[in-house]
């Protein structure tokens, strides 16, 4: 149950009233300050927006001017490139004619040298073929003589003949291995 509270008298109520009034006054002052600050912020924001818009307009004008200057530079560069292209084309035609004449002369000279080289090459090829045939016949004759000698040696002393054949085989294998080693590098 709720206890009965004593009723305050008028004097006590009046004493409490100034405190409540002070709180209300402080709250009103705080709200007024907040409202003033809010209005100041809005005003500052509008001023800042105006300044930013002015800066933006100024930068936009500068950008447009830069674009105009760029277009002028591009047009001038295009004209210079066209002049340079025309000049290079005329030089190219002139130089091409000169070089064509020189190239034709060089081709005739090269053709003469090539014919001379072919003649010498054919002669050397014939000499090489003849020498190779002579050498092959000599190798064939040497091989036949070696085989005949080996056959005679086998009939006289087969053991010594096989030993000599083994030595020769080992020397040939060693020579082949040595040549492979040299030519692999």
N, C-alpha and C. Protein backbone atom coordinates (compact mmCIF):
# COMPACT_ATOMS: atom_id res chain seq x y z
N UNK A 1 0.82 -1.15 0.00
CA UNK A 1 0.00 0.00 0.00
C UNK A 1 0.88 1.24 0.00
N UNK A 2 0.27 2.17 -0.52
CA UNK A 2 0.98 3.42 -0.67
C UNK A 2 0.85 4.23 0.62
N UNK A 3 1.94 4.80 1.02
CA UNK A 3 1.89 5.61 2.23
C UNK A 3 1.42 6.99 1.86
N UNK A 4 0.75 7.54 2.76
CA UNK A 4 0.28 8.89 2.53
C UNK A 4 1.43 9.85 2.72
N UNK A 5 1.58 10.71 1.73
CA UNK A 5 2.64 11.69 1.80
C UNK A 5 2.06 12.94 2.44
N UNK A 6 2.86 13.56 3.20
CA UNK A 6 2.32 14.79 3.78
C UNK A 6 2.20 15.84 2.70
N UNK A 7 1.26 16.63 2.74
CA UNK A 7 1.01 17.69 1.78
C UNK A 7 1.90 18.85 2.16
N UNK A 8 2.56 19.37 1.13
CA UNK A 8 3.47 20.47 1.39
C UNK A 8 2.68 21.76 1.50
N UNK A 9 3.20 22.59 2.26
CA UNK A 9 2.50 23.86 2.39
C UNK A 9 2.94 24.80 1.28
N UNK A 10 2.30 25.93 1.17
CA UNK A 10 2.56 26.88 0.10
C UNK A 10 3.98 27.42 0.18
N UNK A 11 4.53 27.57 1.32
CA UNK A 11 5.88 28.12 1.47
C UNK A 11 6.90 27.16 0.88
N UNK A 12 6.67 25.90 1.12
CA UNK A 12 7.59 24.91 0.58
C UNK A 12 7.47 24.84 -0.93
N UNK A 13 6.29 24.97 -1.46
CA UNK A 13 6.06 24.92 -2.89
C UNK A 13 6.74 26.12 -3.54
N UNK A 14 6.64 27.30 -2.90
CA UNK A 14 7.25 28.49 -3.46
C UNK A 14 8.77 28.37 -3.45
N UNK A 15 9.31 27.72 -2.46
CA UNK A 15 10.76 27.57 -2.39
C UNK A 15 11.25 26.64 -3.50
N UNK A 16 10.47 25.63 -3.83
CA UNK A 16 10.85 24.70 -4.91
C UNK A 16 10.63 25.31 -6.27
N UNK A 17 9.74 26.23 -6.42
CA UNK A 17 9.39 26.80 -7.71
C UNK A 17 10.57 27.50 -8.37
N UNK A 18 11.40 28.29 -7.69
CA UNK A 18 12.49 28.94 -8.38
C UNK A 18 13.46 27.92 -8.99
N UNK A 19 13.65 26.80 -8.39
CA UNK A 19 14.57 25.80 -8.94
C UNK A 19 14.01 25.30 -10.27
N UNK A 20 12.74 25.03 -10.28
CA UNK A 20 12.14 24.54 -11.52
C UNK A 20 12.19 25.63 -12.58
N UNK A 21 11.98 26.85 -12.17
CA UNK A 21 12.06 27.96 -13.11
C UNK A 21 13.48 28.09 -13.66
N UNK A 22 14.44 27.92 -12.79
CA UNK A 22 15.84 28.00 -13.22
C UNK A 22 16.16 26.91 -14.24
N UNK A 23 15.64 25.73 -14.01
CA UNK A 23 15.86 24.61 -14.94
C UNK A 23 15.21 24.92 -16.28
N UNK A 24 13.99 25.43 -16.22
CA UNK A 24 13.29 25.78 -17.46
C UNK A 24 14.03 26.88 -18.20
N UNK A 25 14.52 27.87 -17.46
CA UNK A 25 15.25 28.97 -18.07
C UNK A 25 16.55 28.46 -18.71
N UNK A 26 17.26 27.57 -18.01
CA UNK A 26 18.52 27.02 -18.53
C UNK A 26 18.24 26.19 -19.79
N UNK A 27 17.16 25.46 -19.74
CA UNK A 27 16.80 24.64 -20.89
C UNK A 27 16.44 25.53 -22.06
N UNK A 28 15.71 26.62 -21.83
CA UNK A 28 15.33 27.54 -22.90
C UNK A 28 16.58 28.21 -23.48
N UNK A 29 17.52 28.61 -22.58
CA UNK A 29 18.76 29.22 -23.07
C UNK A 29 19.54 28.21 -23.93
N UNK A 30 19.62 26.96 -23.48
CA UNK A 30 20.35 25.92 -24.23
C UNK A 30 19.70 25.69 -25.58
N UNK A 31 18.37 25.66 -25.61
CA UNK A 31 17.66 25.45 -26.87
C UNK A 31 17.88 26.65 -27.80
N UNK A 32 17.88 27.86 -27.21
CA UNK A 32 18.10 29.06 -28.01
C UNK A 32 19.51 29.05 -28.60
N UNK A 33 20.50 28.65 -27.76
CA UNK A 33 21.89 28.56 -28.26
C UNK A 33 21.99 27.51 -29.36
N UNK A 34 21.35 26.36 -29.17
CA UNK A 34 21.38 25.30 -30.19
C UNK A 34 20.73 25.78 -31.47
N UNK A 35 19.62 26.51 -31.34
CA UNK A 35 18.92 27.02 -32.51
C UNK A 35 19.80 28.05 -33.24
N UNK A 36 20.47 28.92 -32.44
CA UNK A 36 21.35 29.92 -33.02
C UNK A 36 22.53 29.24 -33.72
N UNK A 37 23.10 28.24 -33.08
CA UNK A 37 24.21 27.49 -33.69
C UNK A 37 23.75 26.79 -34.97
N UNK A 38 22.58 26.21 -34.92
CA UNK A 38 22.03 25.52 -36.10
C UNK A 38 21.86 26.51 -37.25
N UNK A 39 21.29 27.68 -36.94
CA UNK A 39 21.10 28.70 -37.96
C UNK A 39 22.44 29.19 -38.50
N UNK A 40 23.42 29.35 -37.58
CA UNK A 40 24.76 29.78 -37.99
C UNK A 40 25.39 28.73 -38.90
N UNK A 41 25.24 27.45 -38.55
CA UNK A 41 25.77 26.37 -39.39
C UNK A 41 25.13 26.38 -40.77
N UNK A 42 23.82 26.57 -40.81
CA UNK A 42 23.11 26.61 -42.09
C UNK A 42 23.62 27.79 -42.91
N UNK A 43 23.78 28.96 -42.25
CA UNK A 43 24.26 30.15 -42.95
C UNK A 43 25.70 29.92 -43.46
N UNK A 44 26.56 29.33 -42.60
CA UNK A 44 27.95 29.04 -43.01
C UNK A 44 27.98 28.04 -44.16
N UNK A 45 27.07 27.06 -44.10
CA UNK A 45 27.02 26.06 -45.16
C UNK A 45 26.62 26.73 -46.47
N UNK A 46 25.65 27.64 -46.43
CA UNK A 46 25.21 28.33 -47.64
C UNK A 46 26.35 29.19 -48.20
N UNK A 47 27.07 29.89 -47.29
CA UNK A 47 28.21 30.69 -47.74
C UNK A 47 29.29 29.82 -48.39
N UNK A 48 29.53 28.67 -47.74
CA UNK A 48 30.53 27.74 -48.28
C UNK A 48 30.09 27.20 -49.64
N UNK A 49 28.81 26.92 -49.78
CA UNK A 49 28.29 26.44 -51.06
C UNK A 49 28.45 27.50 -52.13
N UNK A 50 28.19 28.76 -51.77
CA UNK A 50 28.35 29.86 -52.74
C UNK A 50 29.82 29.97 -53.14
N UNK A 51 30.75 29.94 -52.16
CA UNK A 51 32.18 30.02 -52.46
C UNK A 51 32.61 28.84 -53.35
N UNK A 52 32.14 27.65 -52.99
CA UNK A 52 32.50 26.47 -53.79
C UNK A 52 31.94 26.58 -55.20
N UNK A 53 30.72 27.10 -55.33
CA UNK A 53 30.14 27.26 -56.66
C UNK A 53 30.94 28.26 -57.47
N UNK A 54 31.38 29.37 -56.81
CA UNK A 54 32.20 30.36 -57.49
C UNK A 54 33.53 29.74 -57.93
N UNK A 55 34.15 28.96 -57.03
CA UNK A 55 35.41 28.29 -57.39
C UNK A 55 35.19 27.31 -58.53
N UNK A 56 34.08 26.57 -58.45
CA UNK A 56 33.77 25.61 -59.50
C UNK A 56 33.56 26.31 -60.84
N UNK A 57 32.82 27.44 -60.81
CA UNK A 57 32.61 28.21 -62.04
C UNK A 57 33.94 28.72 -62.60
N UNK A 58 34.81 29.19 -61.71
CA UNK A 58 36.13 29.68 -62.12
C UNK A 58 36.96 28.55 -62.74
N UNK A 59 36.98 27.41 -62.07
CA UNK A 59 37.73 26.26 -62.59
C UNK A 59 37.14 25.77 -63.91
N UNK A 60 35.83 25.82 -64.02
CA UNK A 60 35.17 25.41 -65.25
C UNK A 60 35.58 26.33 -66.40
N UNK A 61 35.64 27.63 -66.12
CA UNK A 61 36.06 28.60 -67.15
C UNK A 61 37.52 28.35 -67.55
N UNK A 62 38.36 28.08 -66.55
CA UNK A 62 39.78 27.77 -66.85
C UNK A 62 39.89 26.50 -67.68
N UNK A 63 39.08 25.49 -67.35
CA UNK A 63 39.09 24.23 -68.09
C UNK A 63 38.65 24.45 -69.53
N UNK A 64 37.61 25.25 -69.72
CA UNK A 64 37.15 25.54 -71.08
C UNK A 64 38.23 26.27 -71.87
N UNK A 65 38.91 27.19 -71.22
CA UNK A 65 40.01 27.91 -71.88
C UNK A 65 41.13 26.95 -72.24
N UNK A 66 41.44 26.05 -71.32
CA UNK A 66 42.49 25.06 -71.59
C UNK A 66 42.10 24.17 -72.77
N UNK A 67 40.80 23.79 -72.85
CA UNK A 67 40.33 22.97 -73.97
C UNK A 67 40.48 23.72 -75.29
N UNK A 68 40.16 25.02 -75.27
CA UNK A 68 40.31 25.82 -76.49
C UNK A 68 41.77 25.88 -76.91
N UNK A 69 42.65 26.11 -75.93
CA UNK A 69 44.08 26.17 -76.24
C UNK A 69 44.58 24.82 -76.76
N UNK A 70 44.09 23.75 -76.16
CA UNK A 70 44.48 22.41 -76.60
C UNK A 70 44.04 22.17 -78.04
N UNK A 71 42.84 22.57 -78.37
CA UNK A 71 42.34 22.40 -79.74
C UNK A 71 43.20 23.19 -80.73
N UNK A 72 43.61 24.41 -80.32
CA UNK A 72 44.47 25.21 -81.18
C UNK A 72 45.82 24.53 -81.39
N UNK A 73 46.36 23.99 -80.30
CA UNK A 73 47.66 23.28 -80.40
C UNK A 73 47.51 22.04 -81.27
N UNK A 74 46.42 21.32 -81.10
CA UNK A 74 46.19 20.12 -81.93
C UNK A 74 46.08 20.49 -83.40
N UNK A 75 45.35 21.57 -83.70
CA UNK A 75 45.20 22.00 -85.10
C UNK A 75 46.56 22.38 -85.68
N UNK A 76 47.37 23.10 -84.90
CA UNK A 76 48.71 23.49 -85.37
C UNK A 76 49.58 22.25 -85.56
N UNK A 77 49.50 21.31 -84.63
CA UNK A 77 50.29 20.08 -84.74
C UNK A 77 49.86 19.27 -85.96
N UNK A 78 48.56 19.22 -86.21
CA UNK A 78 48.05 18.50 -87.38
C UNK A 78 48.61 19.09 -88.67
N UNK A 79 48.64 20.40 -88.71
CA UNK A 79 49.17 21.08 -89.90
C UNK A 79 50.66 20.79 -90.08
N UNK A 80 51.41 20.83 -88.97
CA UNK A 80 52.85 20.54 -89.03
C UNK A 80 53.09 19.09 -89.47
N UNK A 81 52.28 18.18 -88.95
CA UNK A 81 52.42 16.77 -89.33
C UNK A 81 52.12 16.59 -90.81
N UNK A 82 51.10 17.26 -91.30
CA UNK A 82 50.76 17.15 -92.72
C UNK A 82 51.91 17.65 -93.58
N UNK A 83 52.49 18.80 -93.19
CA UNK A 83 53.64 19.33 -93.94
C UNK A 83 54.80 18.35 -93.92
N UNK A 84 55.08 17.80 -92.74
CA UNK A 84 56.18 16.85 -92.61
C UNK A 84 55.91 15.59 -93.44
N UNK A 85 54.66 15.11 -93.43
CA UNK A 85 54.30 13.93 -94.24
C UNK A 85 54.51 14.19 -95.72
N UNK A 86 54.06 15.37 -96.18
CA UNK A 86 54.21 15.70 -97.60
C UNK A 86 55.70 15.77 -97.98
N UNK A 87 56.48 16.39 -97.11
CA UNK A 87 57.92 16.51 -97.38
C UNK A 87 58.59 15.14 -97.38
N UNK A 88 58.23 14.31 -96.40
CA UNK A 88 58.82 12.96 -96.34
C UNK A 88 58.41 12.12 -97.55
N UNK A 89 57.17 12.27 -97.99
CA UNK A 89 56.72 11.51 -99.14
C UNK A 89 57.50 11.90 -100.39
N UNK A 90 57.71 13.20 -100.57
CA UNK A 90 58.47 13.63 -101.75
C UNK A 90 59.92 13.15 -101.66
N UNK A 91 60.50 13.21 -100.46
CA UNK A 91 61.87 12.69 -100.28
C UNK A 91 61.92 11.19 -100.54
N UNK A 92 60.89 10.49 -100.06
CA UNK A 92 60.85 9.03 -100.23
C UNK A 92 60.81 8.66 -101.72
N UNK A 93 59.97 9.37 -102.47
CA UNK A 93 59.86 9.09 -103.90
C UNK A 93 61.20 9.35 -104.58
N UNK A 94 61.81 10.48 -104.24
CA UNK A 94 63.10 10.83 -104.85
C UNK A 94 64.18 9.82 -104.47
N UNK A 95 64.26 9.51 -103.18
CA UNK A 95 65.27 8.55 -102.72
C UNK A 95 65.01 7.15 -103.27
N UNK A 96 63.74 6.79 -103.41
CA UNK A 96 63.40 5.46 -103.94
C UNK A 96 63.88 5.31 -105.37
N UNK A 97 63.73 6.37 -106.15
CA UNK A 97 64.20 6.30 -107.54
C UNK A 97 65.71 6.12 -107.58
N UNK A 98 66.43 6.90 -106.76
CA UNK A 98 67.90 6.78 -106.72
C UNK A 98 68.31 5.38 -106.26
N UNK A 99 67.68 4.93 -105.19
CA UNK A 99 68.03 3.61 -104.66
C UNK A 99 67.66 2.50 -105.64
N UNK A 100 66.57 2.68 -106.37
CA UNK A 100 66.16 1.67 -107.36
C UNK A 100 67.23 1.50 -108.43
N UNK A 101 67.79 2.62 -108.89
CA UNK A 101 68.86 2.56 -109.90
C UNK A 101 70.08 1.86 -109.32
N UNK A 102 70.45 2.24 -108.08
CA UNK A 102 71.61 1.63 -107.44
C UNK A 102 71.38 0.15 -107.18
N UNK A 103 70.16 -0.21 -106.80
CA UNK A 103 69.83 -1.61 -106.54
C UNK A 103 69.91 -2.43 -107.83
N UNK A 104 69.46 -1.87 -108.93
CA UNK A 104 69.53 -2.59 -110.21
C UNK A 104 70.98 -2.83 -110.60
N UNK A 105 71.84 -1.81 -110.40
CA UNK A 105 73.27 -1.98 -110.69
C UNK A 105 73.88 -3.04 -109.79
N UNK A 106 73.54 -3.01 -108.51
CA UNK A 106 74.07 -3.99 -107.56
C UNK A 106 73.58 -5.40 -107.91
N UNK A 107 72.34 -5.52 -108.38
CA UNK A 107 71.80 -6.84 -108.75
C UNK A 107 72.55 -7.40 -109.95
N UNK A 108 72.88 -6.55 -110.91
CA UNK A 108 73.66 -7.01 -112.07
C UNK A 108 75.03 -7.48 -111.64
N UNK A 109 75.66 -6.69 -110.75
CA UNK A 109 76.99 -7.07 -110.26
C UNK A 109 76.92 -8.37 -109.47
N UNK A 110 75.90 -8.50 -108.64
CA UNK A 110 75.74 -9.72 -107.85
C UNK A 110 75.51 -10.92 -108.76
N UNK A 111 74.72 -10.75 -109.81
CA UNK A 111 74.45 -11.85 -110.74
C UNK A 111 75.75 -12.32 -111.38
N UNK A 112 76.62 -11.38 -111.76
CA UNK A 112 77.91 -11.76 -112.35
C UNK A 112 78.76 -12.53 -111.34
N UNK A 113 78.81 -12.05 -110.11
CA UNK A 113 79.59 -12.74 -109.06
C UNK A 113 79.00 -14.11 -108.77
N UNK A 114 77.66 -14.21 -108.77
CA UNK A 114 77.01 -15.49 -108.51
C UNK A 114 77.34 -16.50 -109.61
N UNK A 115 77.33 -16.07 -110.85
CA UNK A 115 77.70 -16.97 -111.95
C UNK A 115 79.14 -17.44 -111.81
N UNK A 116 80.03 -16.52 -111.45
CA UNK A 116 81.44 -16.87 -111.26
C UNK A 116 81.59 -17.87 -110.11
N UNK A 117 80.84 -17.62 -109.01
CA UNK A 117 80.88 -18.53 -107.87
C UNK A 117 80.36 -19.91 -108.26
N UNK A 118 79.27 -19.96 -109.01
CA UNK A 118 78.70 -21.25 -109.44
C UNK A 118 79.71 -22.03 -110.28
N UNK A 119 80.41 -21.34 -111.16
CA UNK A 119 81.41 -22.01 -112.00
C UNK A 119 82.51 -22.60 -111.13
N UNK A 120 83.04 -21.77 -110.20
CA UNK A 120 84.10 -22.28 -109.31
C UNK A 120 83.59 -23.41 -108.42
N UNK A 121 82.33 -23.29 -107.95
CA UNK A 121 81.76 -24.33 -107.10
C UNK A 121 81.63 -25.64 -107.86
N UNK A 122 81.16 -25.55 -109.11
CA UNK A 122 81.04 -26.77 -109.93
C UNK A 122 82.39 -27.43 -110.13
N UNK A 123 83.42 -26.62 -110.36
CA UNK A 123 84.77 -27.19 -110.55
C UNK A 123 85.24 -27.86 -109.26
N UNK A 124 85.02 -27.18 -108.14
CA UNK A 124 85.46 -27.76 -106.86
C UNK A 124 84.66 -29.02 -106.55
N UNK A 125 83.38 -29.03 -106.88
CA UNK A 125 82.56 -30.21 -106.62
C UNK A 125 83.05 -31.39 -107.46
N UNK A 126 83.42 -31.11 -108.71
CA UNK A 126 83.96 -32.19 -109.55
C UNK A 126 85.29 -32.69 -108.99
N UNK A 127 86.17 -31.77 -108.58
CA UNK A 127 87.44 -32.17 -107.98
C UNK A 127 87.21 -32.98 -106.71
N UNK A 128 86.27 -32.54 -105.88
CA UNK A 128 85.98 -33.25 -104.64
C UNK A 128 85.44 -34.65 -104.93
N UNK A 129 84.53 -34.74 -105.90
CA UNK A 129 83.96 -36.05 -106.25
C UNK A 129 85.05 -37.00 -106.75
N UNK A 130 85.93 -36.46 -107.60
CA UNK A 130 87.02 -37.30 -108.13
C UNK A 130 87.94 -37.75 -107.00
N UNK A 131 88.32 -36.80 -106.11
CA UNK A 131 89.20 -37.14 -104.99
C UNK A 131 88.52 -38.11 -104.04
N UNK A 132 87.22 -37.92 -103.80
CA UNK A 132 86.49 -38.82 -102.91
C UNK A 132 86.44 -40.22 -103.49
N UNK A 133 86.24 -40.30 -104.80
CA UNK A 133 86.20 -41.62 -105.44
C UNK A 133 87.57 -42.29 -105.35
N UNK A 134 88.65 -41.53 -105.58
CA UNK A 134 90.00 -42.09 -105.47
C UNK A 134 90.28 -42.54 -104.05
N UNK A 135 89.87 -41.72 -103.09
CA UNK A 135 90.10 -42.06 -101.69
C UNK A 135 89.30 -43.31 -101.30
N UNK A 136 88.04 -43.37 -101.77
CA UNK A 136 87.19 -44.53 -101.46
C UNK A 136 87.80 -45.81 -102.04
N UNK A 137 88.31 -45.70 -103.26
CA UNK A 137 88.96 -46.88 -103.87
C UNK A 137 90.19 -47.28 -103.07
N UNK A 138 90.97 -46.28 -102.58
CA UNK A 138 92.16 -46.58 -101.79
C UNK A 138 91.76 -47.23 -100.47
N UNK A 139 90.67 -46.71 -99.83
CA UNK A 139 90.21 -47.30 -98.57
C UNK A 139 89.72 -48.71 -98.81
N UNK A 140 88.99 -48.91 -99.91
CA UNK A 140 88.48 -50.25 -100.23
C UNK A 140 89.64 -51.22 -100.46
N UNK A 141 90.64 -50.75 -101.21
CA UNK A 141 91.80 -51.61 -101.48
C UNK A 141 92.55 -51.90 -100.17
N UNK A 142 92.69 -50.85 -99.30
CA UNK A 142 93.37 -51.05 -98.02
C UNK A 142 92.60 -52.03 -97.15
N UNK A 143 91.26 -51.91 -97.14
CA UNK A 143 90.44 -52.83 -96.35
C UNK A 143 90.58 -54.25 -96.86
N UNK A 144 90.60 -54.41 -98.19
CA UNK A 144 90.74 -55.76 -98.76
C UNK A 144 92.12 -56.34 -98.39
N UNK A 145 93.14 -55.50 -98.46
CA UNK A 145 94.49 -55.97 -98.10
C UNK A 145 94.53 -56.33 -96.62
N UNK A 146 93.89 -55.53 -95.77
CA UNK A 146 93.87 -55.80 -94.33
C UNK A 146 93.14 -57.10 -94.05
N UNK A 147 92.03 -57.32 -94.75
CA UNK A 147 91.26 -58.56 -94.55
C UNK A 147 92.09 -59.76 -95.01
N UNK A 148 92.76 -59.59 -96.15
CA UNK A 148 93.63 -60.68 -96.63
C UNK A 148 94.74 -60.95 -95.64
N UNK A 149 95.36 -59.89 -95.13
CA UNK A 149 96.44 -60.05 -94.14
C UNK A 149 95.91 -60.72 -92.88
N UNK A 150 94.69 -60.33 -92.45
CA UNK A 150 94.09 -60.90 -91.25
C UNK A 150 93.80 -62.40 -91.47
N UNK A 151 93.33 -62.72 -92.67
CA UNK A 151 93.03 -64.13 -92.97
C UNK A 151 94.32 -64.96 -92.94
N UNK A 152 95.39 -64.41 -93.53
CA UNK A 152 96.68 -65.13 -93.51
C UNK A 152 97.18 -65.28 -92.08
N UNK A 153 97.04 -64.21 -91.28
CA UNK A 153 97.50 -64.22 -89.89
C UNK A 153 96.69 -65.23 -89.09
N UNK A 154 95.37 -65.33 -89.36
CA UNK A 154 94.51 -66.29 -88.65
C UNK A 154 94.94 -67.72 -88.96
N UNK A 155 95.41 -67.94 -90.15
CA UNK A 155 95.85 -69.30 -90.50
C UNK A 155 97.18 -69.61 -89.83
N UNK A 156 98.04 -68.63 -89.70
CA UNK A 156 99.35 -68.88 -89.09
C UNK A 156 99.24 -68.92 -87.57
N UNK A 157 98.70 -67.83 -86.94
CA UNK A 157 98.63 -67.76 -85.48
C UNK A 157 97.30 -67.13 -85.09
N UNK A 158 96.23 -67.95 -84.95
CA UNK A 158 94.90 -67.40 -84.70
C UNK A 158 94.82 -66.60 -83.38
N UNK A 159 95.54 -67.07 -82.35
CA UNK A 159 95.46 -66.39 -81.06
C UNK A 159 96.01 -64.97 -81.17
N UNK A 160 97.18 -64.83 -81.75
CA UNK A 160 97.80 -63.50 -81.91
C UNK A 160 96.96 -62.61 -82.84
N UNK A 161 96.35 -63.19 -83.87
CA UNK A 161 95.52 -62.42 -84.80
C UNK A 161 94.30 -61.85 -84.09
N UNK A 162 93.67 -62.65 -83.23
CA UNK A 162 92.50 -62.16 -82.48
C UNK A 162 92.90 -61.07 -81.49
N UNK A 163 94.07 -61.22 -80.87
CA UNK A 163 94.55 -60.19 -79.95
C UNK A 163 94.76 -58.87 -80.71
N UNK A 164 95.38 -58.93 -81.87
CA UNK A 164 95.63 -57.74 -82.69
C UNK A 164 94.29 -57.13 -83.15
N UNK A 165 93.32 -57.98 -83.54
CA UNK A 165 92.01 -57.50 -83.97
C UNK A 165 91.29 -56.81 -82.80
N UNK A 166 91.39 -57.36 -81.60
CA UNK A 166 90.79 -56.75 -80.40
C UNK A 166 91.40 -55.38 -80.11
N UNK A 167 92.74 -55.30 -80.24
CA UNK A 167 93.41 -54.01 -80.02
C UNK A 167 92.90 -52.97 -81.02
N UNK A 168 92.80 -53.40 -82.26
CA UNK A 168 92.32 -52.48 -83.30
C UNK A 168 90.88 -52.05 -83.00
N UNK A 169 90.03 -52.98 -82.60
CA UNK A 169 88.63 -52.67 -82.30
C UNK A 169 88.55 -51.68 -81.13
N UNK A 170 89.38 -51.92 -80.09
CA UNK A 170 89.38 -51.00 -78.94
C UNK A 170 89.87 -49.61 -79.35
N UNK A 171 90.89 -49.57 -80.21
CA UNK A 171 91.38 -48.26 -80.68
C UNK A 171 90.29 -47.53 -81.48
N UNK A 172 89.59 -48.28 -82.33
CA UNK A 172 88.51 -47.66 -83.11
C UNK A 172 87.38 -47.17 -82.20
N UNK A 173 86.99 -47.96 -81.23
CA UNK A 173 85.93 -47.57 -80.29
C UNK A 173 86.37 -46.32 -79.51
N UNK A 174 87.61 -46.30 -79.06
CA UNK A 174 88.14 -45.14 -78.33
C UNK A 174 88.16 -43.90 -79.21
N UNK A 175 88.55 -44.05 -80.47
CA UNK A 175 88.59 -42.91 -81.38
C UNK A 175 87.18 -42.37 -81.63
N UNK A 176 86.23 -43.28 -81.80
CA UNK A 176 84.84 -42.86 -82.02
C UNK A 176 84.31 -42.13 -80.78
N UNK A 177 84.58 -42.68 -79.59
CA UNK A 177 84.14 -42.04 -78.35
C UNK A 177 84.79 -40.67 -78.19
N UNK A 178 86.06 -40.57 -78.53
CA UNK A 178 86.75 -39.28 -78.44
C UNK A 178 86.14 -38.27 -79.40
N UNK A 179 85.85 -38.68 -80.62
CA UNK A 179 85.22 -37.78 -81.60
C UNK A 179 83.82 -37.35 -81.16
N UNK A 180 83.07 -38.28 -80.61
CA UNK A 180 81.73 -37.92 -80.10
C UNK A 180 81.86 -36.92 -78.98
N UNK A 181 82.78 -37.12 -78.08
CA UNK A 181 82.99 -36.18 -76.98
C UNK A 181 83.38 -34.80 -77.46
N UNK A 182 84.22 -34.75 -78.47
CA UNK A 182 84.68 -33.47 -79.01
C UNK A 182 83.52 -32.74 -79.69
N UNK A 183 82.76 -33.46 -80.51
CA UNK A 183 81.71 -32.81 -81.30
C UNK A 183 80.41 -32.55 -80.55
N UNK A 184 80.27 -33.14 -79.38
CA UNK A 184 79.09 -32.85 -78.58
C UNK A 184 79.18 -31.46 -77.97
N UNK A 185 80.37 -30.97 -77.74
CA UNK A 185 80.56 -29.66 -77.11
C UNK A 185 80.38 -28.61 -78.09
